[in-house]
Amino acid sequence: MSGFASLRLAFSAAILGALLCAPQAFAQSAAAPAQTITLGPSGLPLPRFVSLKPARVNSRVGPGANYSVNWMYMKAGLPMEVIQEFDTWRRVRDADGSEGWINQSLLSGRRTAIVAPWQRGKGGRISLLDEPDKDAGVVAIIEPGVIGSIKKCDGQWCEMTFDGHIGWMAQSQVWGAYPGEKFKN
């Protein structure tokens, strides 16, 4: 048996022994998994939502100005999901799933969201409500794909602003806030 194989076998036996000696501790940890937050080198959580500062932002194939541009975003305030960090560069994902690297100086912590981008072009419309309640009055009708600013989210509803109209939208209808996420912008 090679040295690596015997080491792997010894390690497996040690893990199995620990599980057999402490089944109660294992059962407790399996029953209530800890909520872990991954922090990037910046000390901020990964993944997280941000938005674009300027109206023209190059997305590159790698983390540096010497890498070629694979996409140019033309909308300030567009929400992006930061999924990786390297030095001053952030690997981001947009609502369509495209990924690339953008310098952190072009990103803002201001939270924005796109209304139901998965329904774009399908003719659906989403109600902006005057209260966080499905039976509340309608403030405005928003088409899928429209970008709004998030004021806060309570885990089920987000208070948002769209071109001067302020109201509430189900958190499940926006791309720019995670399910169950609570925050105030």
N, C-alpha and C. Protein backbone atom coordinates (compact mmCIF):
# COMPACT_ATOMS: atom_id res chain seq x y z
N MET A 1 0.85 -1.16 0.00
CA MET A 1 0.00 0.00 0.00
C MET A 1 0.90 1.23 0.00
N SER A 2 0.56 2.22 -0.82
CA SER A 2 1.38 3.44 -0.89
C SER A 2 1.20 4.26 0.38
N GLY A 3 2.13 5.20 0.58
CA GLY A 3 2.09 6.08 1.75
C GLY A 3 0.82 6.92 1.77
N PHE A 4 0.41 7.40 0.60
CA PHE A 4 -0.79 8.24 0.51
C PHE A 4 -2.05 7.43 0.84
N ALA A 5 -2.12 6.21 0.29
CA ALA A 5 -3.29 5.36 0.54
C ALA A 5 -3.41 5.00 2.02
N SER A 6 -2.28 4.69 2.67
CA SER A 6 -2.34 4.34 4.09
C SER A 6 -2.70 5.56 4.93
N LEU A 7 -2.24 6.74 4.54
CA LEU A 7 -2.59 7.97 5.25
C LEU A 7 -4.09 8.24 5.12
N ARG A 8 -4.61 8.06 3.92
CA ARG A 8 -6.04 8.27 3.67
C ARG A 8 -6.86 7.27 4.48
N LEU A 9 -6.41 6.01 4.54
CA LEU A 9 -7.10 4.98 5.31
C LEU A 9 -7.09 5.32 6.80
N ALA A 10 -5.94 5.79 7.31
CA ALA A 10 -5.83 6.15 8.72
C ALA A 10 -6.73 7.34 9.05
N PHE A 11 -6.77 8.31 8.15
CA PHE A 11 -7.61 9.49 8.35
C PHE A 11 -9.10 9.09 8.37
N SER A 12 -9.50 8.24 7.44
CA SER A 12 -10.89 7.77 7.39
C SER A 12 -11.26 7.02 8.66
N ALA A 13 -10.34 6.19 9.15
CA ALA A 13 -10.60 5.44 10.39
C ALA A 13 -10.74 6.39 11.57
N ALA A 14 -9.92 7.43 11.62
CA ALA A 14 -9.99 8.40 12.72
C ALA A 14 -11.33 9.13 12.70
N ILE A 15 -11.79 9.51 11.52
CA ILE A 15 -13.09 10.20 11.40
C ILE A 15 -14.21 9.27 11.83
N LEU A 16 -14.17 8.03 11.35
CA LEU A 16 -15.21 7.06 11.71
C LEU A 16 -15.21 6.82 13.21
N GLY A 17 -14.03 6.70 13.81
CA GLY A 17 -13.93 6.50 15.26
C GLY A 17 -14.52 7.67 16.02
N ALA A 18 -14.25 8.89 15.56
CA ALA A 18 -14.78 10.08 16.24
C ALA A 18 -16.30 10.11 16.14
N LEU A 19 -16.84 9.70 15.01
CA LEU A 19 -18.30 9.69 14.85
C LEU A 19 -18.95 8.63 15.73
N LEU A 20 -18.30 7.47 15.84
CA LEU A 20 -18.85 6.41 16.66
C LEU A 20 -18.77 6.73 18.15
N CYS A 21 -17.73 7.45 18.55
CA CYS A 21 -17.57 7.81 19.97
C CYS A 21 -18.45 8.98 20.38
N ALA A 22 -18.86 9.79 19.43
CA ALA A 22 -19.64 10.99 19.77
C ALA A 22 -20.87 11.12 18.88
N PRO A 23 -21.75 10.09 18.82
CA PRO A 23 -22.90 10.18 17.93
C PRO A 23 -23.86 11.29 18.32
N GLN A 24 -23.95 11.59 19.60
CA GLN A 24 -24.88 12.63 20.04
C GLN A 24 -24.42 14.00 19.53
N ALA A 25 -23.15 14.29 19.62
CA ALA A 25 -22.62 15.57 19.12
C ALA A 25 -22.82 15.68 17.62
N PHE A 26 -22.61 14.57 16.90
CA PHE A 26 -22.81 14.59 15.46
C PHE A 26 -24.27 14.83 15.12
N ALA A 27 -25.18 14.18 15.85
CA ALA A 27 -26.61 14.34 15.59
C ALA A 27 -27.04 15.78 15.83
N GLN A 28 -26.50 16.43 16.86
CA GLN A 28 -26.86 17.82 17.13
C GLN A 28 -26.37 18.72 16.01
N SER A 29 -25.16 18.52 15.53
CA SER A 29 -24.65 19.40 14.49
C SER A 29 -25.37 19.15 13.17
N ALA A 30 -25.79 17.92 12.91
CA ALA A 30 -26.52 17.63 11.69
C ALA A 30 -27.94 18.19 11.75
N ALA A 31 -28.53 18.19 12.95
CA ALA A 31 -29.90 18.67 13.09
C ALA A 31 -30.00 20.18 12.99
N ALA A 32 -28.99 20.90 13.44
CA ALA A 32 -29.03 22.36 13.42
C ALA A 32 -27.74 22.89 12.80
N PRO A 33 -27.66 22.86 11.44
CA PRO A 33 -26.44 23.31 10.81
C PRO A 33 -26.21 24.80 11.07
N ALA A 34 -24.96 25.15 11.33
CA ALA A 34 -24.61 26.55 11.60
C ALA A 34 -24.69 27.35 10.30
N GLN A 35 -25.19 28.56 10.41
CA GLN A 35 -25.26 29.46 9.27
C GLN A 35 -23.89 30.08 9.10
N THR A 36 -23.16 29.69 8.07
CA THR A 36 -21.83 30.23 7.88
C THR A 36 -21.85 31.31 6.81
N ILE A 37 -21.11 32.35 7.06
CA ILE A 37 -20.98 33.43 6.11
C ILE A 37 -19.54 33.42 5.63
N THR A 38 -19.37 33.36 4.34
CA THR A 38 -18.04 33.39 3.76
C THR A 38 -17.64 34.84 3.55
N LEU A 39 -16.48 35.20 4.06
CA LEU A 39 -15.97 36.56 3.88
C LEU A 39 -14.86 36.52 2.84
N GLY A 40 -14.89 37.51 1.95
CA GLY A 40 -13.83 37.64 0.96
C GLY A 40 -12.63 38.35 1.57
N PRO A 41 -11.56 38.50 0.80
CA PRO A 41 -10.37 39.21 1.28
C PRO A 41 -10.66 40.63 1.76
N SER A 42 -11.73 41.25 1.25
CA SER A 42 -12.09 42.61 1.65
C SER A 42 -12.73 42.64 3.03
N GLY A 43 -13.12 41.46 3.55
CA GLY A 43 -13.83 41.39 4.82
C GLY A 43 -15.33 41.47 4.65
N LEU A 44 -15.79 41.61 3.42
CA LEU A 44 -17.22 41.67 3.12
C LEU A 44 -17.72 40.29 2.71
N PRO A 45 -19.02 40.03 2.92
CA PRO A 45 -19.55 38.69 2.61
C PRO A 45 -19.54 38.38 1.11
N LEU A 46 -19.38 37.10 0.82
CA LEU A 46 -19.49 36.58 -0.55
C LEU A 46 -20.51 35.47 -0.54
N PRO A 47 -21.45 35.43 -1.44
CA PRO A 47 -21.75 36.48 -2.41
C PRO A 47 -22.49 37.64 -1.75
N ARG A 48 -22.60 38.75 -2.48
CA ARG A 48 -23.34 39.93 -2.01
C ARG A 48 -23.78 40.73 -3.23
N PHE A 49 -24.80 41.55 -3.05
CA PHE A 49 -25.27 42.41 -4.13
C PHE A 49 -24.68 43.81 -4.00
N VAL A 50 -24.35 44.40 -5.14
CA VAL A 50 -23.86 45.77 -5.26
C VAL A 50 -24.54 46.36 -6.50
N SER A 51 -24.17 47.59 -6.86
CA SER A 51 -24.67 48.17 -8.10
C SER A 51 -23.54 48.90 -8.81
N LEU A 52 -23.73 49.18 -10.09
CA LEU A 52 -22.72 49.89 -10.87
C LEU A 52 -22.80 51.39 -10.59
N LYS A 53 -21.65 52.04 -10.41
CA LYS A 53 -21.62 53.50 -10.20
C LYS A 53 -21.82 54.24 -11.52
N PRO A 54 -20.91 54.10 -12.49
CA PRO A 54 -21.06 54.87 -13.73
C PRO A 54 -21.97 54.19 -14.74
N ALA A 55 -22.29 54.93 -15.80
CA ALA A 55 -23.17 54.41 -16.85
C ALA A 55 -22.43 53.52 -17.83
N ARG A 56 -21.10 53.56 -17.85
CA ARG A 56 -20.31 52.72 -18.76
C ARG A 56 -19.27 51.97 -17.94
N VAL A 57 -19.40 50.66 -17.89
CA VAL A 57 -18.49 49.83 -17.11
C VAL A 57 -18.06 48.63 -17.94
N ASN A 58 -16.75 48.43 -18.04
CA ASN A 58 -16.22 47.27 -18.75
C ASN A 58 -16.17 46.07 -17.82
N SER A 59 -16.64 44.95 -18.30
CA SER A 59 -16.50 43.68 -17.61
C SER A 59 -15.40 42.93 -18.35
N ARG A 60 -14.40 42.44 -17.62
CA ARG A 60 -13.23 41.81 -18.24
C ARG A 60 -13.21 40.30 -17.98
N VAL A 61 -12.44 39.59 -18.78
CA VAL A 61 -12.35 38.13 -18.65
C VAL A 61 -11.48 37.71 -17.48
N GLY A 62 -10.69 38.64 -16.93
CA GLY A 62 -9.83 38.33 -15.79
C GLY A 62 -9.70 39.55 -14.89
N PRO A 63 -9.09 39.37 -13.72
CA PRO A 63 -8.98 40.45 -12.73
C PRO A 63 -7.81 41.40 -12.98
N GLY A 64 -7.95 42.25 -13.99
CA GLY A 64 -6.91 43.23 -14.28
C GLY A 64 -7.21 43.98 -15.56
N ALA A 65 -6.64 45.19 -15.68
CA ALA A 65 -6.88 46.03 -16.85
C ALA A 65 -6.25 45.45 -18.12
N ASN A 66 -5.31 44.53 -17.98
CA ASN A 66 -4.67 43.91 -19.14
C ASN A 66 -5.52 42.81 -19.77
N TYR A 67 -6.55 42.37 -19.07
CA TYR A 67 -7.45 41.35 -19.62
C TYR A 67 -8.43 42.00 -20.59
N SER A 68 -8.83 41.24 -21.59
CA SER A 68 -9.74 41.80 -22.60
C SER A 68 -11.14 42.02 -22.02
N VAL A 69 -11.84 42.97 -22.63
CA VAL A 69 -13.21 43.30 -22.24
C VAL A 69 -14.14 42.29 -22.91
N ASN A 70 -14.99 41.65 -22.09
CA ASN A 70 -15.95 40.71 -22.68
C ASN A 70 -17.36 41.29 -22.71
N TRP A 71 -17.58 42.40 -22.02
CA TRP A 71 -18.92 42.99 -21.98
C TRP A 71 -18.81 44.42 -21.51
N MET A 72 -19.66 45.31 -22.02
CA MET A 72 -19.73 46.68 -21.51
C MET A 72 -21.16 46.93 -21.04
N TYR A 73 -21.26 47.28 -19.77
CA TYR A 73 -22.57 47.61 -19.20
C TYR A 73 -22.81 49.10 -19.39
N MET A 74 -24.02 49.48 -19.77
CA MET A 74 -24.34 50.85 -20.13
C MET A 74 -25.43 51.46 -19.24
N LYS A 75 -25.52 51.00 -17.98
CA LYS A 75 -26.59 51.49 -17.11
C LYS A 75 -26.09 51.66 -15.68
N ALA A 76 -25.99 52.91 -15.22
CA ALA A 76 -25.64 53.16 -13.82
C ALA A 76 -26.76 52.60 -12.94
N GLY A 77 -26.38 52.05 -11.79
CA GLY A 77 -27.38 51.50 -10.87
C GLY A 77 -27.76 50.06 -11.15
N LEU A 78 -27.20 49.46 -12.18
CA LEU A 78 -27.51 48.07 -12.50
C LEU A 78 -27.04 47.17 -11.36
N PRO A 79 -27.91 46.31 -10.81
CA PRO A 79 -27.47 45.43 -9.73
C PRO A 79 -26.55 44.34 -10.26
N MET A 80 -25.56 44.01 -9.45
CA MET A 80 -24.60 42.95 -9.77
C MET A 80 -24.38 42.14 -8.50
N GLU A 81 -24.07 40.88 -8.68
CA GLU A 81 -23.78 40.00 -7.56
C GLU A 81 -22.28 39.72 -7.54
N VAL A 82 -21.61 40.12 -6.47
CA VAL A 82 -20.17 39.85 -6.32
C VAL A 82 -20.03 38.40 -5.85
N ILE A 83 -19.28 37.60 -6.61
CA ILE A 83 -19.13 36.18 -6.28
C ILE A 83 -17.69 35.80 -5.95
N GLN A 84 -16.73 36.71 -6.24
CA GLN A 84 -15.32 36.41 -5.95
C GLN A 84 -14.56 37.73 -5.88
N GLU A 85 -13.46 37.74 -5.14
CA GLU A 85 -12.62 38.93 -5.03
C GLU A 85 -11.17 38.56 -5.29
N PHE A 86 -10.46 39.46 -5.95
CA PHE A 86 -9.01 39.33 -6.12
C PHE A 86 -8.43 40.73 -6.16
N ASP A 87 -7.63 41.07 -5.15
CA ASP A 87 -7.04 42.39 -5.04
C ASP A 87 -8.15 43.44 -5.12
N THR A 88 -8.10 44.35 -6.07
CA THR A 88 -9.14 45.39 -6.19
C THR A 88 -10.20 45.03 -7.23
N TRP A 89 -10.21 43.78 -7.64
CA TRP A 89 -11.14 43.33 -8.68
C TRP A 89 -12.21 42.44 -8.08
N ARG A 90 -13.41 42.55 -8.63
CA ARG A 90 -14.55 41.76 -8.17
C ARG A 90 -15.13 40.98 -9.34
N ARG A 91 -15.25 39.68 -9.13
CA ARG A 91 -15.93 38.86 -10.15
C ARG A 91 -17.41 38.99 -9.86
N VAL A 92 -18.16 39.41 -10.87
CA VAL A 92 -19.58 39.68 -10.69
C VAL A 92 -20.42 38.85 -11.65
N ARG A 93 -21.69 38.73 -11.28
CA ARG A 93 -22.67 38.04 -12.12
C ARG A 93 -23.84 39.01 -12.28
N ASP A 94 -24.37 39.10 -13.50
CA ASP A 94 -25.54 39.95 -13.71
C ASP A 94 -26.81 39.11 -13.67
N ALA A 95 -27.95 39.75 -13.82
CA ALA A 95 -29.24 39.06 -13.70
C ALA A 95 -29.44 38.00 -14.78
N ASP A 96 -28.72 38.10 -15.89
CA ASP A 96 -28.83 37.11 -16.96
C ASP A 96 -27.86 35.95 -16.77
N GLY A 97 -27.00 36.03 -15.74
CA GLY A 97 -26.05 34.97 -15.46
C GLY A 97 -24.67 35.17 -16.06
N SER A 98 -24.46 36.26 -16.80
CA SER A 98 -23.14 36.55 -17.37
C SER A 98 -22.19 36.95 -16.25
N GLU A 99 -20.93 36.50 -16.36
CA GLU A 99 -19.94 36.80 -15.34
C GLU A 99 -18.74 37.50 -15.94
N GLY A 100 -18.08 38.31 -15.12
CA GLY A 100 -16.87 39.00 -15.54
C GLY A 100 -16.25 39.71 -14.35
N TRP A 101 -15.11 40.37 -14.58
CA TRP A 101 -14.38 41.06 -13.53
C TRP A 101 -14.50 42.56 -13.72
N ILE A 102 -14.82 43.26 -12.62
CA ILE A 102 -14.97 44.72 -12.62
C ILE A 102 -14.16 45.27 -11.45
N ASN A 103 -13.48 46.40 -11.67
CA ASN A 103 -12.72 47.03 -10.60
C ASN A 103 -13.67 47.54 -9.53
N GLN A 104 -13.28 47.37 -8.27
CA GLN A 104 -14.14 47.75 -7.14
C GLN A 104 -14.51 49.23 -7.15
N SER A 105 -13.68 50.08 -7.74
CA SER A 105 -13.96 51.52 -7.77
C SER A 105 -15.19 51.85 -8.61
N LEU A 106 -15.63 50.91 -9.44
CA LEU A 106 -16.79 51.12 -10.31
C LEU A 106 -18.07 50.54 -9.71
N LEU A 107 -17.96 49.99 -8.49
CA LEU A 107 -19.10 49.36 -7.83
C LEU A 107 -19.50 50.15 -6.60
N SER A 108 -20.78 50.13 -6.29
CA SER A 108 -21.33 50.84 -5.14
C SER A 108 -22.05 49.85 -4.23
N GLY A 109 -22.04 50.12 -2.94
CA GLY A 109 -22.78 49.30 -1.99
C GLY A 109 -24.27 49.63 -1.99
N ARG A 110 -24.68 50.65 -2.74
CA ARG A 110 -26.09 51.03 -2.84
C ARG A 110 -26.87 49.88 -3.49
N ARG A 111 -27.95 49.47 -2.85
CA ARG A 111 -28.69 48.31 -3.33
C ARG A 111 -29.79 48.72 -4.30
N THR A 112 -29.79 48.06 -5.43
CA THR A 112 -30.83 48.21 -6.44
C THR A 112 -31.31 46.82 -6.80
N ALA A 113 -32.38 46.74 -7.56
CA ALA A 113 -32.89 45.43 -7.98
C ALA A 113 -33.59 45.54 -9.32
N ILE A 114 -33.61 44.44 -10.02
CA ILE A 114 -34.35 44.33 -11.28
C ILE A 114 -35.62 43.54 -10.98
N VAL A 115 -36.74 44.05 -11.43
CA VAL A 115 -38.01 43.38 -11.20
C VAL A 115 -38.12 42.17 -12.12
N ALA A 116 -38.32 41.01 -11.54
CA ALA A 116 -38.58 39.75 -12.22
C ALA A 116 -37.93 39.63 -13.61
N PRO A 117 -36.58 39.67 -13.67
CA PRO A 117 -35.95 39.60 -15.00
C PRO A 117 -36.27 38.30 -15.73
N TRP A 118 -36.63 37.26 -15.02
CA TRP A 118 -36.98 35.98 -15.62
C TRP A 118 -38.32 36.05 -16.36
N GLN A 119 -39.08 37.15 -16.18
CA GLN A 119 -40.36 37.31 -16.88
C GLN A 119 -40.30 38.33 -18.01
N ARG A 120 -39.10 38.89 -18.26
CA ARG A 120 -38.97 39.89 -19.33
C ARG A 120 -39.47 39.35 -20.66
N GLY A 121 -40.22 40.17 -21.37
CA GLY A 121 -40.72 39.80 -22.69
C GLY A 121 -41.90 38.85 -22.68
N LYS A 122 -42.42 38.52 -21.52
CA LYS A 122 -43.54 37.58 -21.42
C LYS A 122 -44.86 38.29 -21.16
N GLY A 123 -44.83 39.64 -21.13
CA GLY A 123 -46.06 40.41 -20.98
C GLY A 123 -46.59 40.54 -19.57
N GLY A 124 -45.91 39.98 -18.58
CA GLY A 124 -46.39 40.08 -17.20
C GLY A 124 -46.08 41.43 -16.60
N ARG A 125 -46.79 41.78 -15.54
CA ARG A 125 -46.55 43.02 -14.82
C ARG A 125 -46.64 42.75 -13.33
N ILE A 126 -45.88 43.51 -12.57
CA ILE A 126 -45.80 43.31 -11.12
C ILE A 126 -46.34 44.57 -10.44
N SER A 127 -47.14 44.36 -9.41
CA SER A 127 -47.72 45.50 -8.68
C SER A 127 -46.76 46.00 -7.61
N LEU A 128 -46.61 47.32 -7.57
CA LEU A 128 -45.92 48.00 -6.49
C LEU A 128 -47.01 48.42 -5.52
N LEU A 129 -46.95 47.93 -4.28
CA LEU A 129 -48.05 48.09 -3.34
C LEU A 129 -47.76 49.17 -2.29
N ASP A 130 -48.82 49.75 -1.70
CA ASP A 130 -48.62 50.81 -0.71
C ASP A 130 -48.28 50.27 0.68
N GLU A 131 -48.40 48.97 0.88
CA GLU A 131 -48.03 48.32 2.15
C GLU A 131 -47.45 46.95 1.85
N PRO A 132 -46.68 46.38 2.77
CA PRO A 132 -46.14 45.03 2.56
C PRO A 132 -47.21 43.96 2.84
N ASP A 133 -48.19 43.90 1.96
CA ASP A 133 -49.31 42.97 2.11
C ASP A 133 -49.88 42.71 0.72
N LYS A 134 -50.09 41.45 0.37
CA LYS A 134 -50.56 41.11 -0.98
C LYS A 134 -51.92 41.71 -1.31
N ASP A 135 -52.69 42.10 -0.28
CA ASP A 135 -54.00 42.69 -0.51
C ASP A 135 -53.99 44.22 -0.45
N ALA A 136 -52.81 44.83 -0.37
CA ALA A 136 -52.68 46.28 -0.26
C ALA A 136 -53.02 46.95 -1.59
N GLY A 137 -53.23 48.26 -1.52
CA GLY A 137 -53.52 49.04 -2.73
C GLY A 137 -52.30 49.14 -3.64
N VAL A 138 -52.56 49.30 -4.92
CA VAL A 138 -51.51 49.36 -5.92
C VAL A 138 -51.06 50.81 -6.12
N VAL A 139 -49.75 51.04 -6.00
CA VAL A 139 -49.17 52.37 -6.22
C VAL A 139 -48.82 52.53 -7.70
N ALA A 140 -48.27 51.48 -8.29
CA ALA A 140 -47.86 51.51 -9.69
C ALA A 140 -47.76 50.07 -10.21
N ILE A 141 -47.82 49.94 -11.51
CA ILE A 141 -47.61 48.65 -12.17
C ILE A 141 -46.23 48.72 -12.82
N ILE A 142 -45.37 47.74 -12.49
CA ILE A 142 -43.98 47.74 -12.95
C ILE A 142 -43.78 46.57 -13.92
N GLU A 143 -43.16 46.85 -15.05
CA GLU A 143 -42.87 45.79 -16.01
C GLU A 143 -41.61 45.03 -15.61
N PRO A 144 -41.56 43.74 -15.88
CA PRO A 144 -40.34 42.97 -15.61
C PRO A 144 -39.14 43.59 -16.34
N GLY A 145 -38.00 43.61 -15.65
CA GLY A 145 -36.78 44.16 -16.23
C GLY A 145 -36.49 45.59 -15.81
N VAL A 146 -37.44 46.25 -15.14
CA VAL A 146 -37.23 47.63 -14.69
C VAL A 146 -36.36 47.61 -13.43
N ILE A 147 -35.45 48.60 -13.34
CA ILE A 147 -34.54 48.70 -12.20
C ILE A 147 -35.07 49.73 -11.21
N GLY A 148 -35.07 49.36 -9.94
CA GLY A 148 -35.48 50.27 -8.88
C GLY A 148 -34.47 50.27 -7.76
N SER A 149 -34.56 51.28 -6.89
CA SER A 149 -33.69 51.36 -5.71
C SER A 149 -34.38 50.71 -4.54
N ILE A 150 -33.63 49.91 -3.79
CA ILE A 150 -34.17 49.26 -2.60
C ILE A 150 -33.93 50.17 -1.40
N LYS A 151 -35.00 50.46 -0.65
CA LYS A 151 -34.85 51.21 0.60
C LYS A 151 -34.58 50.24 1.74
N LYS A 152 -35.34 49.13 1.77
CA LYS A 152 -35.12 48.09 2.79
C LYS A 152 -35.86 46.83 2.38
N CYS A 153 -35.42 45.71 2.96
CA CYS A 153 -36.10 44.42 2.78
C CYS A 153 -36.25 43.79 4.15
N ASP A 154 -37.40 43.14 4.39
CA ASP A 154 -37.64 42.52 5.70
C ASP A 154 -37.60 41.00 5.66
N GLY A 155 -37.17 40.45 4.54
CA GLY A 155 -37.10 39.00 4.39
C GLY A 155 -38.21 38.46 3.51
N GLN A 156 -39.32 39.20 3.40
CA GLN A 156 -40.43 38.80 2.53
C GLN A 156 -40.82 39.90 1.55
N TRP A 157 -40.64 41.16 1.98
CA TRP A 157 -41.03 42.32 1.19
C TRP A 157 -39.87 43.30 1.10
N CYS A 158 -39.79 44.01 -0.02
CA CYS A 158 -38.80 45.07 -0.19
C CYS A 158 -39.52 46.38 -0.46
N GLU A 159 -39.12 47.43 0.27
CA GLU A 159 -39.63 48.77 -0.02
C GLU A 159 -38.71 49.36 -1.08
N MET A 160 -39.29 49.79 -2.20
CA MET A 160 -38.50 50.21 -3.35
C MET A 160 -39.00 51.53 -3.92
N THR A 161 -38.11 52.15 -4.70
CA THR A 161 -38.44 53.38 -5.40
C THR A 161 -38.22 53.15 -6.89
N PHE A 162 -39.24 53.50 -7.67
CA PHE A 162 -39.17 53.42 -9.13
C PHE A 162 -39.60 54.77 -9.69
N ASP A 163 -38.67 55.52 -10.20
CA ASP A 163 -38.97 56.81 -10.84
C ASP A 163 -39.94 57.66 -10.00
N GLY A 164 -39.65 57.79 -8.72
CA GLY A 164 -40.45 58.62 -7.83
C GLY A 164 -41.61 57.90 -7.15
N HIS A 165 -41.94 56.71 -7.60
CA HIS A 165 -43.01 55.92 -6.97
C HIS A 165 -42.39 55.05 -5.89
N ILE A 166 -42.88 55.18 -4.66
CA ILE A 166 -42.37 54.39 -3.55
C ILE A 166 -43.44 53.39 -3.12
N GLY A 167 -43.03 52.14 -2.94
CA GLY A 167 -43.98 51.13 -2.51
C GLY A 167 -43.27 49.83 -2.18
N TRP A 168 -44.05 48.80 -2.00
CA TRP A 168 -43.56 47.49 -1.58
C TRP A 168 -43.77 46.45 -2.67
N MET A 169 -42.81 45.55 -2.74
CA MET A 169 -42.86 44.47 -3.71
C MET A 169 -42.39 43.19 -3.01
N ALA A 170 -43.00 42.07 -3.35
CA ALA A 170 -42.57 40.79 -2.77
C ALA A 170 -41.10 40.57 -3.10
N GLN A 171 -40.33 40.20 -2.09
CA GLN A 171 -38.89 40.00 -2.25
C GLN A 171 -38.60 38.92 -3.29
N SER A 172 -39.49 37.98 -3.45
CA SER A 172 -39.32 36.91 -4.43
C SER A 172 -39.44 37.41 -5.87
N GLN A 173 -39.91 38.65 -6.06
CA GLN A 173 -40.10 39.21 -7.40
C GLN A 173 -38.96 40.11 -7.85
N VAL A 174 -37.88 40.19 -7.05
CA VAL A 174 -36.77 41.06 -7.42
C VAL A 174 -35.45 40.30 -7.45
N TRP A 175 -34.59 40.69 -8.37
CA TRP A 175 -33.22 40.18 -8.41
C TRP A 175 -32.33 41.31 -7.92
N GLY A 176 -31.80 41.13 -6.71
CA GLY A 176 -30.99 42.15 -6.08
C GLY A 176 -31.06 42.03 -4.56
N ALA A 177 -31.85 41.09 -4.09
CA ALA A 177 -31.96 40.77 -2.66
C ALA A 177 -32.14 39.26 -2.55
N TYR A 178 -31.41 38.65 -1.63
CA TYR A 178 -31.50 37.21 -1.46
C TYR A 178 -32.80 36.83 -0.74
N PRO A 179 -33.33 35.64 -0.99
CA PRO A 179 -34.52 35.18 -0.25
C PRO A 179 -34.27 35.21 1.25
N GLY A 180 -35.16 35.84 1.98
CA GLY A 180 -35.05 35.89 3.42
C GLY A 180 -34.07 36.94 3.95
N GLU A 181 -33.35 37.62 3.08
CA GLU A 181 -32.37 38.63 3.51
C GLU A 181 -33.08 39.86 4.07
N LYS A 182 -32.55 40.35 5.19
CA LYS A 182 -33.08 41.57 5.81
C LYS A 182 -31.99 42.62 5.83
N PHE A 183 -32.31 43.84 5.37
CA PHE A 183 -31.35 44.93 5.41
C PHE A 183 -32.06 46.25 5.17
N LYS A 184 -31.36 47.32 5.50
CA LYS A 184 -31.84 48.68 5.25
C LYS A 184 -30.74 49.39 4.49
N ASN A 185 -31.07 50.00 3.35
CA ASN A 185 -30.10 50.67 2.49
C ASN A 185 -29.76 52.05 3.02
